[in-house]
Amino acid sequence: MFGDGAEGLAKMVEDIFRERGRPNAYIVGSEGSGAIALGLRYGAGRMYHAVEGDQEVYWTGPSIGFDVGGDANKVFALVYDLYDTEELFQRYPSVEGKVYVVGGFTANYLQRGNVVVVPIKLGAGWRIGANVGYLKFTKDRNYLPF
């Protein structure tokens, strides 16, 4: 079972690279989220940028939809067309669907202007549903998701 999951995750990353090319930054971190129709998400990680070096990054986001459950994830986000790291720190609209029964993996595609963020998540929990919301990246930890 784990072999099939790892193979599916590897194929997903391979397809993203084939479509978008090499990112000029990436984020490695972790995230927790939960929802009962209204959802919240909190994450923290380190962004590695090809030119501007590395720095701590935090993200939060509310959501609404037909969504219930919770999950905790390791996150690897590919970041494209980020030439000034200040451009990352804004809200990115998000549409997401998840089915986690014990564990799972997902990938989304977030875009704001020219900057594209592709979070790839591998985690555990129980979660099923679909939602809309946004993801807001910040330099400092924020407990309010708005």
N, C-alpha and C. Protein backbone atom coordinates (compact mmCIF):
# COMPACT_ATOMS: atom_id res chain seq x y z
N MET A 1 0.82 -1.19 0.00
CA MET A 1 0.00 0.00 0.00
C MET A 1 0.87 1.26 0.00
N PHE A 2 1.91 1.33 0.86
CA PHE A 2 2.77 2.50 0.89
C PHE A 2 3.49 2.68 -0.44
N GLY A 3 3.86 1.57 -1.09
CA GLY A 3 4.55 1.64 -2.38
C GLY A 3 3.70 2.32 -3.44
N ASP A 4 2.41 2.00 -3.48
CA ASP A 4 1.51 2.63 -4.44
C ASP A 4 1.37 4.13 -4.17
N GLY A 5 1.29 4.50 -2.87
CA GLY A 5 1.18 5.91 -2.51
C GLY A 5 2.43 6.69 -2.89
N ALA A 6 3.60 6.12 -2.62
CA ALA A 6 4.86 6.78 -2.98
C ALA A 6 4.99 6.90 -4.48
N GLU A 7 4.57 5.89 -5.21
CA GLU A 7 4.63 5.93 -6.67
C GLU A 7 3.70 7.01 -7.22
N GLY A 8 2.49 7.12 -6.64
CA GLY A 8 1.55 8.15 -7.07
C GLY A 8 2.08 9.55 -6.79
N LEU A 9 2.71 9.73 -5.62
CA LEU A 9 3.29 11.02 -5.26
C LEU A 9 4.44 11.37 -6.20
N ALA A 10 5.30 10.42 -6.50
CA ALA A 10 6.42 10.65 -7.42
C ALA A 10 5.92 11.03 -8.81
N LYS A 11 4.87 10.37 -9.28
CA LYS A 11 4.31 10.70 -10.60
C LYS A 11 3.73 12.11 -10.61
N MET A 12 3.06 12.50 -9.50
CA MET A 12 2.49 13.84 -9.41
C MET A 12 3.59 14.90 -9.52
N VAL A 13 4.68 14.73 -8.78
CA VAL A 13 5.79 15.69 -8.82
C VAL A 13 6.42 15.71 -10.21
N GLU A 14 6.59 14.55 -10.81
CA GLU A 14 7.16 14.46 -12.16
C GLU A 14 6.30 15.22 -13.17
N ASP A 15 4.98 15.08 -13.08
CA ASP A 15 4.07 15.78 -14.00
C ASP A 15 4.15 17.30 -13.81
N ILE A 16 4.26 17.74 -12.55
CA ILE A 16 4.36 19.18 -12.28
C ILE A 16 5.64 19.74 -12.89
N PHE A 17 6.76 19.04 -12.69
CA PHE A 17 8.04 19.50 -13.26
C PHE A 17 7.98 19.53 -14.79
N ARG A 18 7.35 18.53 -15.38
CA ARG A 18 7.26 18.48 -16.83
C ARG A 18 6.46 19.67 -17.36
N GLU A 19 5.38 20.02 -16.66
CA GLU A 19 4.51 21.12 -17.11
C GLU A 19 5.12 22.50 -16.83
N ARG A 20 5.68 22.72 -15.65
CA ARG A 20 6.12 24.06 -15.24
C ARG A 20 7.63 24.28 -15.33
N GLY A 21 8.43 23.22 -15.38
CA GLY A 21 9.89 23.39 -15.35
C GLY A 21 10.39 23.44 -13.93
N ARG A 22 11.58 23.98 -13.76
CA ARG A 22 12.19 24.06 -12.43
C ARG A 22 11.69 25.30 -11.69
N PRO A 23 11.34 25.15 -10.40
CA PRO A 23 10.93 26.32 -9.62
C PRO A 23 12.15 27.16 -9.26
N ASN A 24 11.95 28.44 -8.95
CA ASN A 24 13.07 29.25 -8.48
C ASN A 24 13.05 29.41 -6.96
N ALA A 25 12.07 28.78 -6.29
CA ALA A 25 12.03 28.72 -4.83
C ALA A 25 11.20 27.51 -4.43
N TYR A 26 11.38 27.08 -3.19
CA TYR A 26 10.53 26.02 -2.65
C TYR A 26 10.39 26.22 -1.15
N ILE A 27 9.32 25.65 -0.60
CA ILE A 27 9.03 25.76 0.82
C ILE A 27 8.92 24.35 1.38
N VAL A 28 9.56 24.11 2.52
CA VAL A 28 9.47 22.84 3.23
C VAL A 28 8.91 23.14 4.62
N GLY A 29 7.83 22.47 4.99
CA GLY A 29 7.24 22.75 6.29
C GLY A 29 6.19 21.75 6.69
N SER A 30 5.31 22.17 7.60
CA SER A 30 4.23 21.32 8.06
C SER A 30 2.98 22.16 8.24
N GLU A 31 1.84 21.48 8.25
CA GLU A 31 0.56 22.17 8.28
C GLU A 31 -0.46 21.32 9.01
N GLY A 32 -1.37 21.97 9.71
CA GLY A 32 -2.51 21.30 10.32
C GLY A 32 -3.78 22.02 9.89
N SER A 33 -4.83 21.26 9.64
CA SER A 33 -6.10 21.89 9.24
C SER A 33 -7.26 21.03 9.69
N GLY A 34 -8.40 21.68 9.83
CA GLY A 34 -9.61 20.98 10.20
C GLY A 34 -10.82 21.76 9.75
N ALA A 35 -11.95 21.05 9.62
CA ALA A 35 -13.17 21.72 9.15
C ALA A 35 -14.41 20.96 9.57
N ILE A 36 -15.44 21.72 9.84
CA ILE A 36 -16.82 21.24 9.89
C ILE A 36 -17.59 22.33 9.14
N ALA A 37 -17.65 22.21 7.82
CA ALA A 37 -18.19 23.22 6.89
C ALA A 37 -17.28 24.45 6.82
N LEU A 38 -16.96 25.07 7.95
CA LEU A 38 -15.98 26.15 8.01
C LEU A 38 -14.64 25.54 8.43
N GLY A 39 -13.58 25.92 7.76
CA GLY A 39 -12.29 25.32 8.07
C GLY A 39 -11.22 26.34 8.38
N LEU A 40 -10.17 25.86 9.04
CA LEU A 40 -9.00 26.67 9.34
C LEU A 40 -7.75 25.87 9.01
N ARG A 41 -6.71 26.59 8.61
CA ARG A 41 -5.44 25.95 8.25
C ARG A 41 -4.31 26.81 8.81
N TYR A 42 -3.31 26.15 9.40
CA TYR A 42 -2.12 26.83 9.91
C TYR A 42 -0.90 26.06 9.46
N GLY A 43 0.12 26.79 9.00
CA GLY A 43 1.34 26.12 8.57
C GLY A 43 2.57 26.97 8.84
N ALA A 44 3.70 26.31 8.86
CA ALA A 44 4.98 26.98 9.05
C ALA A 44 6.05 26.20 8.30
N GLY A 45 7.03 26.94 7.78
CA GLY A 45 8.09 26.27 7.05
C GLY A 45 9.24 27.22 6.75
N ARG A 46 10.11 26.75 5.93
CA ARG A 46 11.27 27.53 5.51
C ARG A 46 11.27 27.58 4.00
N MET A 47 11.38 28.81 3.46
CA MET A 47 11.44 29.00 2.02
C MET A 47 12.90 29.13 1.61
N TYR A 48 13.25 28.40 0.56
CA TYR A 48 14.59 28.44 -0.02
C TYR A 48 14.46 29.08 -1.40
N HIS A 49 15.08 30.23 -1.59
CA HIS A 49 14.99 30.97 -2.84
C HIS A 49 16.35 30.95 -3.53
N ALA A 50 16.36 30.74 -4.83
CA ALA A 50 17.60 30.60 -5.59
C ALA A 50 18.50 31.82 -5.49
N VAL A 51 17.93 33.03 -5.40
CA VAL A 51 18.73 34.25 -5.38
C VAL A 51 18.76 34.90 -4.00
N GLU A 52 17.59 34.98 -3.34
CA GLU A 52 17.48 35.75 -2.10
C GLU A 52 17.71 34.93 -0.83
N GLY A 53 18.11 33.67 -0.96
CA GLY A 53 18.41 32.86 0.23
C GLY A 53 17.17 32.28 0.87
N ASP A 54 17.30 31.92 2.15
CA ASP A 54 16.18 31.26 2.82
C ASP A 54 15.66 32.10 3.98
N GLN A 55 14.36 31.87 4.30
CA GLN A 55 13.71 32.58 5.39
C GLN A 55 12.51 31.79 5.88
N GLU A 56 12.11 32.07 7.12
CA GLU A 56 10.92 31.44 7.69
C GLU A 56 9.68 31.99 7.00
N VAL A 57 8.68 31.12 6.81
CA VAL A 57 7.42 31.49 6.18
C VAL A 57 6.29 30.84 6.96
N TYR A 58 5.21 31.57 7.13
CA TYR A 58 4.02 31.05 7.81
C TYR A 58 2.83 31.24 6.89
N TRP A 59 1.81 30.40 7.07
CA TRP A 59 0.60 30.57 6.27
C TRP A 59 -0.62 30.17 7.09
N THR A 60 -1.72 30.83 6.80
CA THR A 60 -3.01 30.56 7.42
C THR A 60 -4.06 30.67 6.34
N GLY A 61 -5.23 30.17 6.65
CA GLY A 61 -6.30 30.33 5.69
C GLY A 61 -7.61 29.77 6.17
N PRO A 62 -8.68 30.52 5.96
CA PRO A 62 -10.01 30.01 6.22
C PRO A 62 -10.57 29.33 4.96
N SER A 63 -11.58 28.51 5.16
CA SER A 63 -12.26 27.89 4.01
C SER A 63 -13.72 27.65 4.38
N ILE A 64 -14.51 27.44 3.34
CA ILE A 64 -15.92 27.11 3.52
C ILE A 64 -16.29 26.10 2.44
N GLY A 65 -17.12 25.12 2.81
CA GLY A 65 -17.53 24.14 1.82
C GLY A 65 -18.13 22.91 2.46
N PHE A 66 -18.31 21.89 1.66
CA PHE A 66 -18.79 20.60 2.13
C PHE A 66 -17.57 19.81 2.57
N ASP A 67 -17.13 20.03 3.79
CA ASP A 67 -15.83 19.55 4.24
C ASP A 67 -15.92 19.23 5.72
N VAL A 68 -15.42 18.06 6.11
CA VAL A 68 -15.42 17.68 7.53
C VAL A 68 -14.18 16.84 7.83
N GLY A 69 -13.60 17.05 9.01
CA GLY A 69 -12.47 16.26 9.46
C GLY A 69 -11.25 17.11 9.74
N GLY A 70 -10.14 16.44 9.93
CA GLY A 70 -8.89 17.13 10.20
C GLY A 70 -7.71 16.34 9.67
N ASP A 71 -6.60 17.03 9.43
CA ASP A 71 -5.40 16.36 8.95
C ASP A 71 -4.17 17.16 9.33
N ALA A 72 -3.05 16.45 9.43
CA ALA A 72 -1.74 17.06 9.66
C ALA A 72 -0.83 16.60 8.53
N ASN A 73 -0.07 17.54 7.96
CA ASN A 73 0.69 17.24 6.74
C ASN A 73 2.12 17.75 6.79
N LYS A 74 2.98 17.06 6.10
CA LYS A 74 4.28 17.59 5.72
C LYS A 74 4.04 18.25 4.37
N VAL A 75 4.62 19.43 4.17
CA VAL A 75 4.35 20.20 2.96
C VAL A 75 5.66 20.48 2.24
N PHE A 76 5.63 20.27 0.93
CA PHE A 76 6.72 20.65 0.05
C PHE A 76 6.06 21.46 -1.06
N ALA A 77 6.32 22.76 -1.10
CA ALA A 77 5.66 23.64 -2.07
C ALA A 77 6.67 24.15 -3.08
N LEU A 78 6.38 23.95 -4.34
CA LEU A 78 7.20 24.48 -5.43
C LEU A 78 6.70 25.89 -5.73
N VAL A 79 7.63 26.84 -5.88
CA VAL A 79 7.25 28.24 -6.12
C VAL A 79 7.89 28.69 -7.44
N TYR A 80 7.05 29.16 -8.33
CA TYR A 80 7.49 29.57 -9.67
C TYR A 80 7.34 31.08 -9.86
N ASP A 81 8.24 31.66 -10.61
CA ASP A 81 8.19 33.07 -11.01
C ASP A 81 8.18 34.03 -9.83
N LEU A 82 8.88 33.67 -8.77
CA LEU A 82 9.02 34.53 -7.60
C LEU A 82 10.40 35.19 -7.67
N TYR A 83 10.44 36.40 -8.20
CA TYR A 83 11.72 37.08 -8.38
C TYR A 83 12.04 38.01 -7.22
N ASP A 84 11.02 38.44 -6.50
CA ASP A 84 11.18 39.24 -5.28
C ASP A 84 10.38 38.51 -4.21
N THR A 85 11.03 38.04 -3.15
CA THR A 85 10.33 37.24 -2.13
C THR A 85 9.17 37.99 -1.49
N GLU A 86 9.17 39.30 -1.53
CA GLU A 86 8.05 40.08 -0.99
C GLU A 86 6.74 39.76 -1.72
N GLU A 87 6.83 39.34 -2.97
CA GLU A 87 5.62 39.01 -3.75
C GLU A 87 4.89 37.78 -3.21
N LEU A 88 5.58 36.94 -2.42
CA LEU A 88 4.92 35.76 -1.86
C LEU A 88 3.90 36.14 -0.80
N PHE A 89 4.14 37.23 -0.06
CA PHE A 89 3.36 37.55 1.13
C PHE A 89 2.06 38.28 0.78
N GLN A 90 1.09 37.48 0.34
CA GLN A 90 -0.24 37.96 0.00
C GLN A 90 -1.21 36.78 0.04
N ARG A 91 -2.47 37.02 -0.29
CA ARG A 91 -3.49 35.96 -0.29
C ARG A 91 -3.56 35.30 -1.66
N TYR A 92 -3.68 33.97 -1.65
CA TYR A 92 -3.82 33.18 -2.87
C TYR A 92 -5.16 32.45 -2.81
N PRO A 93 -6.05 32.68 -3.78
CA PRO A 93 -7.32 31.96 -3.79
C PRO A 93 -7.07 30.45 -3.89
N SER A 94 -7.95 29.69 -3.24
CA SER A 94 -7.75 28.24 -3.19
C SER A 94 -9.07 27.49 -3.34
N VAL A 95 -9.03 26.44 -4.12
CA VAL A 95 -10.12 25.46 -4.22
C VAL A 95 -9.47 24.12 -3.97
N GLU A 96 -10.05 23.35 -3.04
CA GLU A 96 -9.37 22.12 -2.65
C GLU A 96 -10.38 21.01 -2.38
N GLY A 97 -10.02 19.81 -2.73
CA GLY A 97 -10.79 18.63 -2.39
C GLY A 97 -9.87 17.63 -1.72
N LYS A 98 -10.35 16.97 -0.68
CA LYS A 98 -9.52 16.00 0.05
C LYS A 98 -10.33 14.77 0.40
N VAL A 99 -9.66 13.65 0.35
CA VAL A 99 -10.18 12.42 0.91
C VAL A 99 -9.02 11.76 1.64
N TYR A 100 -9.01 11.89 2.96
CA TYR A 100 -8.01 11.24 3.80
C TYR A 100 -8.75 10.26 4.71
N VAL A 101 -8.42 9.03 4.63
CA VAL A 101 -8.90 8.04 5.57
C VAL A 101 -7.63 7.41 6.12
N VAL A 102 -7.17 7.83 7.25
CA VAL A 102 -5.90 7.51 7.90
C VAL A 102 -4.78 8.36 7.31
N GLY A 103 -4.61 8.39 5.99
CA GLY A 103 -3.55 9.19 5.39
C GLY A 103 -3.83 9.45 3.92
N GLY A 104 -3.03 10.34 3.34
CA GLY A 104 -3.20 10.64 1.92
C GLY A 104 -2.24 11.71 1.46
N PHE A 105 -2.34 12.06 0.19
CA PHE A 105 -1.53 13.16 -0.34
C PHE A 105 -2.35 13.95 -1.34
N THR A 106 -2.04 15.25 -1.40
CA THR A 106 -2.74 16.14 -2.31
C THR A 106 -1.76 17.15 -2.89
N ALA A 107 -2.17 17.79 -3.95
CA ALA A 107 -1.42 18.90 -4.52
C ALA A 107 -2.45 19.91 -5.03
N ASN A 108 -2.19 21.20 -4.85
CA ASN A 108 -3.02 22.24 -5.41
C ASN A 108 -2.15 23.15 -6.27
N TYR A 109 -2.83 24.05 -6.92
CA TYR A 109 -2.18 25.02 -7.79
C TYR A 109 -2.72 26.38 -7.39
N LEU A 110 -1.88 27.23 -6.80
CA LEU A 110 -2.28 28.56 -6.35
C LEU A 110 -1.57 29.59 -7.20
N GLN A 111 -2.29 30.61 -7.67
CA GLN A 111 -1.65 31.64 -8.47
C GLN A 111 -2.19 33.00 -8.09
N ARG A 112 -1.26 33.95 -7.98
CA ARG A 112 -1.60 35.35 -7.73
C ARG A 112 -0.66 36.18 -8.59
N GLY A 113 -1.18 36.84 -9.60
CA GLY A 113 -0.31 37.55 -10.54
C GLY A 113 0.53 36.53 -11.30
N ASN A 114 1.81 36.75 -11.37
CA ASN A 114 2.70 35.81 -12.04
C ASN A 114 3.22 34.70 -11.13
N VAL A 115 3.08 34.88 -9.82
CA VAL A 115 3.63 33.91 -8.86
C VAL A 115 2.70 32.70 -8.76
N VAL A 116 3.30 31.51 -8.90
CA VAL A 116 2.56 30.25 -8.80
C VAL A 116 3.16 29.43 -7.66
N VAL A 117 2.30 28.94 -6.76
CA VAL A 117 2.72 28.09 -5.66
C VAL A 117 1.99 26.76 -5.82
N VAL A 118 2.75 25.66 -5.78
CA VAL A 118 2.18 24.32 -5.91
C VAL A 118 2.50 23.53 -4.64
N PRO A 119 1.62 23.61 -3.61
CA PRO A 119 1.85 22.84 -2.40
C PRO A 119 1.54 21.35 -2.62
N ILE A 120 2.47 20.51 -2.26
CA ILE A 120 2.30 19.06 -2.30
C ILE A 120 2.31 18.60 -0.85
N LYS A 121 1.25 17.91 -0.43
CA LYS A 121 1.09 17.56 0.98
C LYS A 121 0.97 16.05 1.15
N LEU A 122 1.67 15.53 2.13
CA LEU A 122 1.61 14.13 2.51
C LEU A 122 1.29 14.10 3.99
N GLY A 123 0.17 13.48 4.36
CA GLY A 123 -0.22 13.57 5.76
C GLY A 123 -1.10 12.46 6.25
N ALA A 124 -1.59 12.67 7.47
CA ALA A 124 -2.43 11.70 8.15
C ALA A 124 -3.63 12.43 8.73
N GLY A 125 -4.71 11.69 8.89
CA GLY A 125 -5.92 12.26 9.48
C GLY A 125 -7.14 11.63 8.86
N TRP A 126 -8.29 12.20 9.17
CA TRP A 126 -9.55 11.78 8.56
C TRP A 126 -10.21 13.04 8.04
N ARG A 127 -10.37 13.10 6.74
CA ARG A 127 -10.92 14.32 6.13
C ARG A 127 -11.57 13.95 4.81
N ILE A 128 -12.74 14.52 4.57
CA ILE A 128 -13.40 14.31 3.29
C ILE A 128 -14.18 15.58 2.94
N GLY A 129 -14.10 15.97 1.67
CA GLY A 129 -14.88 17.11 1.24
C GLY A 129 -14.17 18.00 0.25
N ALA A 130 -14.82 19.11 -0.04
CA ALA A 130 -14.28 20.12 -0.95
C ALA A 130 -14.58 21.49 -0.35
N ASN A 131 -13.68 22.44 -0.61
CA ASN A 131 -13.88 23.77 -0.05
C ASN A 131 -13.25 24.84 -0.93
N VAL A 132 -13.62 26.07 -0.66
CA VAL A 132 -12.99 27.24 -1.28
C VAL A 132 -12.53 28.16 -0.16
N GLY A 133 -11.48 28.89 -0.42
CA GLY A 133 -10.95 29.81 0.59
C GLY A 133 -9.73 30.51 0.03
N TYR A 134 -8.80 30.79 0.90
CA TYR A 134 -7.54 31.37 0.45
C TYR A 134 -6.43 30.96 1.40
N LEU A 135 -5.22 31.08 0.93
CA LEU A 135 -4.03 30.82 1.72
C LEU A 135 -3.25 32.13 1.77
N LYS A 136 -2.93 32.58 2.98
CA LYS A 136 -2.21 33.84 3.16
C LYS A 136 -0.83 33.54 3.73
N PHE A 137 0.21 33.92 3.00
CA PHE A 137 1.59 33.74 3.46
C PHE A 137 2.04 34.99 4.21
N THR A 138 2.74 34.81 5.33
CA THR A 138 3.24 35.92 6.13
C THR A 138 4.66 35.63 6.60
N LYS A 139 5.35 36.68 7.02
CA LYS A 139 6.70 36.55 7.58
C LYS A 139 6.66 36.17 9.06
N ASP A 140 5.57 36.53 9.73
CA ASP A 140 5.43 36.28 11.17
C ASP A 140 4.24 35.37 11.42
N ARG A 141 4.34 34.58 12.48
CA ARG A 141 3.24 33.68 12.87
C ARG A 141 2.00 34.52 13.19
N ASN A 142 0.86 34.07 12.70
CA ASN A 142 -0.39 34.77 12.91
C ASN A 142 -1.44 33.75 13.33
N TYR A 143 -2.12 34.00 14.42
CA TYR A 143 -3.12 33.06 14.91
C TYR A 143 -4.51 33.34 14.34
N LEU A 144 -4.72 34.53 13.81
CA LEU A 144 -5.99 34.82 13.14
C LEU A 144 -5.83 34.44 11.67
N PRO A 145 -6.71 33.61 11.13
CA PRO A 145 -6.53 33.12 9.77
C PRO A 145 -6.95 34.10 8.68
N PHE A 146 -7.28 35.33 9.02
CA PHE A 146 -7.81 36.27 8.04
C PHE A 146 -6.79 37.30 7.61
